[in-house]
Amino acid sequence: MAHFGSKGWLVQQLKDMGIRRHPIGQKKVEAYKASVLYGLYQKYAAKRVDPQEKNA
């Protein structure tokens, strides 16, 4: 289990969303710095809709 906000946590979250490679560079997400991964996380996590918010 990775610490919240660490590079390992970001990699885990991106993989859980189905993002295993960078959309532009096509390298595995593990190869990128945490700052790049955080940008990807912000971009794609914002698109996810929380099911509880949808029902409210």
PDB file of N, CA and C in Angstrom:
ATOM      1  N   MET A   1       0.850  -1.178   0.000  1.00  0.00           N
ATOM      2  CA  MET A   1       0.000   0.000   0.000  1.00  0.00           C
ATOM      3  C   MET A   1       0.890   1.234   0.000  1.00  0.00           C
ATOM      4  N   ALA A   2       0.645   2.099  -0.937  1.00  0.00           N
ATOM      5  CA  ALA A   2       1.439   3.314  -1.067  1.00  0.00           C
ATOM      6  C   ALA A   2       0.828   4.440  -0.227  1.00  0.00           C
ATOM      7  N   HIS A   3       1.677   5.377   0.154  1.00  0.00           N
ATOM      8  CA  HIS A   3       1.200   6.538   0.912  1.00  0.00           C
ATOM      9  C   HIS A   3       0.375   7.435   0.004  1.00  0.00           C
ATOM     10  N   PHE A   4      -0.664   8.043   0.561  1.00  0.00           N
ATOM     11  CA  PHE A   4      -1.550   8.915  -0.195  1.00  0.00           C
ATOM     12  C   PHE A   4      -0.747  10.048  -0.842  1.00  0.00           C
ATOM     13  N   GLY A   5      -0.911  10.219  -2.149  1.00  0.00           N
ATOM     14  CA  GLY A   5      -0.255  11.305  -2.866  1.00  0.00           C
ATOM     15  C   GLY A   5       1.144  10.994  -3.361  1.00  0.00           C
ATOM     16  N   SER A   6       1.694   9.827  -3.021  1.00  0.00           N
ATOM     17  CA  SER A   6       3.038   9.479  -3.475  1.00  0.00           C
ATOM     18  C   SER A   6       2.995   9.000  -4.919  1.00  0.00           C
ATOM     19  N   LYS A   7       4.161   8.840  -5.522  1.00  0.00           N
ATOM     20  CA  LYS A   7       4.233   8.363  -6.900  1.00  0.00           C
ATOM     21  C   LYS A   7       3.598   6.982  -7.026  1.00  0.00           C
ATOM     22  N   GLY A   8       3.851   6.116  -6.081  1.00  0.00           N
ATOM     23  CA  GLY A   8       3.272   4.778  -6.112  1.00  0.00           C
ATOM     24  C   GLY A   8       1.757   4.815  -6.036  1.00  0.00           C
ATOM     25  N   TRP A   9       1.224   5.722  -5.225  1.00  0.00           N
ATOM     26  CA  TRP A   9      -0.220   5.874  -5.117  1.00  0.00           C
ATOM     27  C   TRP A   9      -0.805   6.362  -6.432  1.00  0.00           C
ATOM     28  N   LEU A  10      -0.125   7.339  -7.071  1.00  0.00           N
ATOM     29  CA  LEU A  10      -0.592   7.862  -8.349  1.00  0.00           C
ATOM     30  C   LEU A  10      -0.594   6.777  -9.421  1.00  0.00           C
ATOM     31  N   VAL A  11       0.472   5.968  -9.463  1.00  0.00           N
ATOM     32  CA  VAL A  11       0.541   4.878 -10.433  1.00  0.00           C
ATOM     33  C   VAL A  11      -0.609   3.904 -10.201  1.00  0.00           C
ATOM     34  N   GLN A  12      -0.847   3.572  -8.951  1.00  0.00           N
ATOM     35  CA  GLN A  12      -1.928   2.645  -8.612  1.00  0.00           C
ATOM     36  C   GLN A  12      -3.290   3.198  -9.031  1.00  0.00           C
ATOM     37  N   GLN A  13      -3.536   4.470  -8.772  1.00  0.00           N
ATOM     38  CA  GLN A  13      -4.815   5.083  -9.131  1.00  0.00           C
ATOM     39  C   GLN A  13      -5.000   5.123 -10.645  1.00  0.00           C
ATOM     40  N   LEU A  14      -3.946   5.483 -11.373  1.00  0.00           N
ATOM     41  CA  LEU A  14      -4.041   5.538 -12.827  1.00  0.00           C
ATOM     42  C   LEU A  14      -4.299   4.156 -13.414  1.00  0.00           C
ATOM     43  N   LYS A  15      -3.632   3.144 -12.864  1.00  0.00           N
ATOM     44  CA  LYS A  15      -3.855   1.781 -13.356  1.00  0.00           C
ATOM     45  C   LYS A  15      -5.269   1.313 -13.037  1.00  0.00           C
ATOM     46  N   ASP A  16      -5.797   1.706 -11.894  1.00  0.00           N
ATOM     47  CA  ASP A  16      -7.173   1.356 -11.551  1.00  0.00           C
ATOM     48  C   ASP A  16      -8.171   2.001 -12.513  1.00  0.00           C
ATOM     49  N   MET A  17      -7.805   3.161 -13.076  1.00  0.00           N
ATOM     50  CA  MET A  17      -8.648   3.829 -14.060  1.00  0.00           C
ATOM     51  C   MET A  17      -8.433   3.278 -15.464  1.00  0.00           C
ATOM     52  N   GLY A  18      -7.470   2.367 -15.607  1.00  0.00           N
ATOM     53  CA  GLY A  18      -7.217   1.762 -16.910  1.00  0.00           C
ATOM     54  C   GLY A  18      -6.137   2.447 -17.714  1.00  0.00           C
ATOM     55  N   ILE A  19      -5.407   3.370 -17.102  1.00  0.00           N
ATOM     56  CA  ILE A  19      -4.341   4.079 -17.807  1.00  0.00           C
ATOM     57  C   ILE A  19      -3.020   3.417 -17.424  1.00  0.00           C
ATOM     58  N   ARG A  20      -2.474   2.640 -18.324  1.00  0.00           N
ATOM     59  CA  ARG A  20      -1.223   1.935 -18.071  1.00  0.00           C
ATOM     60  C   ARG A  20      -0.049   2.564 -18.811  1.00  0.00           C
ATOM     61  N   ARG A  21      -0.345   3.334 -19.848  1.00  0.00           N
ATOM     62  CA  ARG A  21       0.672   4.030 -20.621  1.00  0.00           C
ATOM     63  C   ARG A  21       0.276   5.486 -20.780  1.00  0.00           C
ATOM     64  N   HIS A  22       1.277   6.361 -20.898  1.00  0.00           N
ATOM     65  CA  HIS A  22       1.026   7.785 -21.099  1.00  0.00           C
ATOM     66  C   HIS A  22       0.349   7.971 -22.455  1.00  0.00           C
ATOM     67  N   PRO A  23      -0.712   8.791 -22.530  1.00  0.00           N
ATOM     68  CA  PRO A  23      -1.445   8.924 -23.792  1.00  0.00           C
ATOM     69  C   PRO A  23      -0.620   9.506 -24.938  1.00  0.00           C
ATOM     70  N   ILE A  24       0.402  10.298 -24.649  1.00  0.00           N
ATOM     71  CA  ILE A  24       1.209  10.907 -25.706  1.00  0.00           C
ATOM     72  C   ILE A  24       2.526  10.161 -25.881  1.00  0.00           C
ATOM     73  N   GLY A  25       3.272   9.968 -24.786  1.00  0.00           N
ATOM     74  CA  GLY A  25       4.591   9.355 -24.857  1.00  0.00           C
ATOM     75  C   GLY A  25       4.581   7.852 -25.058  1.00  0.00           C
ATOM     76  N   GLN A  26       3.479   7.200 -24.716  1.00  0.00           N
ATOM     77  CA  GLN A  26       3.305   5.757 -24.852  1.00  0.00           C
ATOM     78  C   GLN A  26       4.276   4.929 -24.012  1.00  0.00           C
ATOM     79  N   LYS A  27       4.950   5.546 -23.048  1.00  0.00           N
ATOM     80  CA  LYS A  27       5.766   4.780 -22.102  1.00  0.00           C
ATOM     81  C   LYS A  27       4.874   4.350 -20.947  1.00  0.00           C
ATOM     82  N   LYS A  28       5.315   3.338 -20.228  1.00  0.00           N
ATOM     83  CA  LYS A  28       4.571   2.925 -19.034  1.00  0.00           C
ATOM     84  C   LYS A  28       4.561   4.071 -18.029  1.00  0.00           C
ATOM     85  N   VAL A  29       3.475   4.175 -17.273  1.00  0.00           N
ATOM     86  CA  VAL A  29       3.340   5.293 -16.336  1.00  0.00           C
ATOM     87  C   VAL A  29       4.419   5.269 -15.254  1.00  0.00           C
ATOM     88  N   GLU A  30       4.971   4.104 -14.971  1.00  0.00           N
ATOM     89  CA  GLU A  30       6.007   4.014 -13.945  1.00  0.00           C
ATOM     90  C   GLU A  30       7.270   4.790 -14.324  1.00  0.00           C
ATOM     91  N   ALA A  31       7.464   5.061 -15.611  1.00  0.00           N
ATOM     92  CA  ALA A  31       8.680   5.714 -16.082  1.00  0.00           C
ATOM     93  C   ALA A  31       8.646   7.234 -15.902  1.00  0.00           C
ATOM     94  N   TYR A  32       7.494   7.797 -15.580  1.00  0.00           N
ATOM     95  CA  TYR A  32       7.351   9.243 -15.491  1.00  0.00           C
ATOM     96  C   TYR A  32       7.497   9.740 -14.061  1.00  0.00           C
ATOM     97  N   LYS A  33       7.869  11.013 -13.945  1.00  0.00           N
ATOM     98  CA  LYS A  33       7.985  11.640 -12.634  1.00  0.00           C
ATOM     99  C   LYS A  33       6.604  11.845 -12.030  1.00  0.00           C
ATOM    100  N   ALA A  34       6.589  12.022 -10.720  1.00  0.00           N
ATOM    101  CA  ALA A  34       5.324  12.179 -10.001  1.00  0.00           C
ATOM    102  C   ALA A  34       4.555  13.402 -10.473  1.00  0.00           C
ATOM    103  N   SER A  35       5.249  14.473 -10.854  1.00  0.00           N
ATOM    104  CA  SER A  35       4.552  15.687 -11.300  1.00  0.00           C
ATOM    105  C   SER A  35       3.769  15.439 -12.590  1.00  0.00           C
ATOM    106  N   VAL A  36       4.325  14.644 -13.496  1.00  0.00           N
ATOM    107  CA  VAL A  36       3.633  14.310 -14.743  1.00  0.00           C
ATOM    108  C   VAL A  36       2.438  13.408 -14.436  1.00  0.00           C
ATOM    109  N   LEU A  37       2.638  12.453 -13.539  1.00  0.00           N
ATOM    110  CA  LEU A  37       1.556  11.544 -13.167  1.00  0.00           C
ATOM    111  C   LEU A  37       0.421  12.291 -12.478  1.00  0.00           C
ATOM    112  N   TYR A  38       0.772  13.280 -11.677  1.00  0.00           N
ATOM    113  CA  TYR A  38      -0.260  14.061 -11.000  1.00  0.00           C
ATOM    114  C   TYR A  38      -1.106  14.823 -12.013  1.00  0.00           C
ATOM    115  N   GLY A  39      -0.471  15.331 -13.069  1.00  0.00           N
ATOM    116  CA  GLY A  39      -1.212  16.012 -14.129  1.00  0.00           C
ATOM    117  C   GLY A  39      -2.174  15.068 -14.830  1.00  0.00           C
ATOM    118  N   LEU A  40      -1.721  13.853 -15.105  1.00  0.00           N
ATOM    119  CA  LEU A  40      -2.604  12.850 -15.712  1.00  0.00           C
ATOM    120  C   LEU A  40      -3.749  12.502 -14.776  1.00  0.00           C
ATOM    121  N   TYR A  41      -3.433  12.356 -13.490  1.00  0.00           N
ATOM    122  CA  TYR A  41      -4.459  12.015 -12.513  1.00  0.00           C
ATOM    123  C   TYR A  41      -5.524  13.103 -12.462  1.00  0.00           C
ATOM    124  N   GLN A  42      -5.104  14.361 -12.426  1.00  0.00           N
ATOM    125  CA  GLN A  42      -6.065  15.465 -12.393  1.00  0.00           C
ATOM    126  C   GLN A  42      -6.919  15.479 -13.652  1.00  0.00           C
ATOM    127  N   LYS A  43      -6.316  15.220 -14.797  1.00  0.00           N
ATOM    128  CA  LYS A  43      -7.031  15.265 -16.070  1.00  0.00           C
ATOM    129  C   LYS A  43      -8.088  14.166 -16.160  1.00  0.00           C
ATOM    130  N   TYR A  44      -7.728  12.948 -15.759  1.00  0.00           N
ATOM    131  CA  TYR A  44      -8.634  11.827 -15.942  1.00  0.00           C
ATOM    132  C   TYR A  44      -9.514  11.547 -14.733  1.00  0.00           C
ATOM    133  N   ALA A  45      -9.098  11.916 -13.541  1.00  0.00           N
ATOM    134  CA  ALA A  45      -9.932  11.700 -12.357  1.00  0.00           C
ATOM    135  C   ALA A  45     -11.099  12.673 -12.356  1.00  0.00           C
ATOM    136  N   ALA A  46     -10.928  13.838 -12.959  1.00  0.00           N
ATOM    137  CA  ALA A  46     -12.008  14.818 -13.023  1.00  0.00           C
ATOM    138  C   ALA A  46     -13.139  14.331 -13.918  1.00  0.00           C
ATOM    139  N   LYS A  47     -12.837  13.462 -14.886  1.00  0.00           N
ATOM    140  CA  LYS A  47     -13.855  12.946 -15.804  1.00  0.00           C
ATOM    141  C   LYS A  47     -14.708  11.874 -15.152  1.00  0.00           C
ATOM    142  N   ARG A  48     -14.167  11.232 -14.112  1.00  0.00           N
ATOM    143  CA  ARG A  48     -14.933  10.182 -13.435  1.00  0.00           C
ATOM    144  C   ARG A  48     -16.049  10.809 -12.626  1.00  0.00           C
ATOM    145  N   VAL A  49     -17.221  10.205 -12.646  1.00  0.00           N
ATOM    146  CA  VAL A  49     -18.373  10.707 -11.903  1.00  0.00           C
ATOM    147  C   VAL A  49     -18.611   9.780 -10.719  1.00  0.00           C
ATOM    148  N   ASP A  50     -18.762  10.380  -9.554  1.00  0.00           N
ATOM    149  CA  ASP A  50     -19.040   9.596  -8.354  1.00  0.00           C
ATOM    150  C   ASP A  50     -20.484   9.103  -8.414  1.00  0.00           C
ATOM    151  N   PRO A  51     -20.732   7.794  -8.296  1.00  0.00           N
ATOM    152  CA  PRO A  51     -22.104   7.271  -8.397  1.00  0.00           C
ATOM    153  C   PRO A  51     -23.039   7.852  -7.341  1.00  0.00           C
ATOM    154  N   GLN A  52     -22.525   8.192  -6.169  1.00  0.00           N
ATOM    155  CA  GLN A  52     -23.381   8.743  -5.120  1.00  0.00           C
ATOM    156  C   GLN A  52     -23.837  10.165  -5.493  1.00  0.00           C
ATOM    157  N   GLU A  53     -22.963  10.940  -6.160  1.00  0.00           N
ATOM    158  CA  GLU A  53     -23.351  12.281  -6.571  1.00  0.00           C
ATOM    159  C   GLU A  53     -24.401  12.221  -7.676  1.00  0.00           C
ATOM    160  N   LYS A  54     -24.330  11.201  -8.511  1.00  0.00           N
ATOM    161  CA  LYS A  54     -25.271  11.063  -9.615  1.00  0.00           C
ATOM    162  C   LYS A  54     -26.687  10.820  -9.105  1.00  0.00           C
ATOM    163  N   ASN A  55     -26.810  10.050  -8.007  1.00  0.00           N
ATOM    164  CA  ASN A  55     -28.120   9.728  -7.451  1.00  0.00           C
ATOM    165  C   ASN A  55     -28.701  10.869  -6.631  1.00  0.00           C
ATOM    166  N   ALA A  56     -27.876  11.768  -6.171  1.00  0.00           N
ATOM    167  CA  ALA A  56     -28.348  12.855  -5.299  1.00  0.00           C
ATOM    168  C   ALA A  56     -29.099  13.922  -6.042  1.00  0.00           C
TER     169      ALA A  56
END
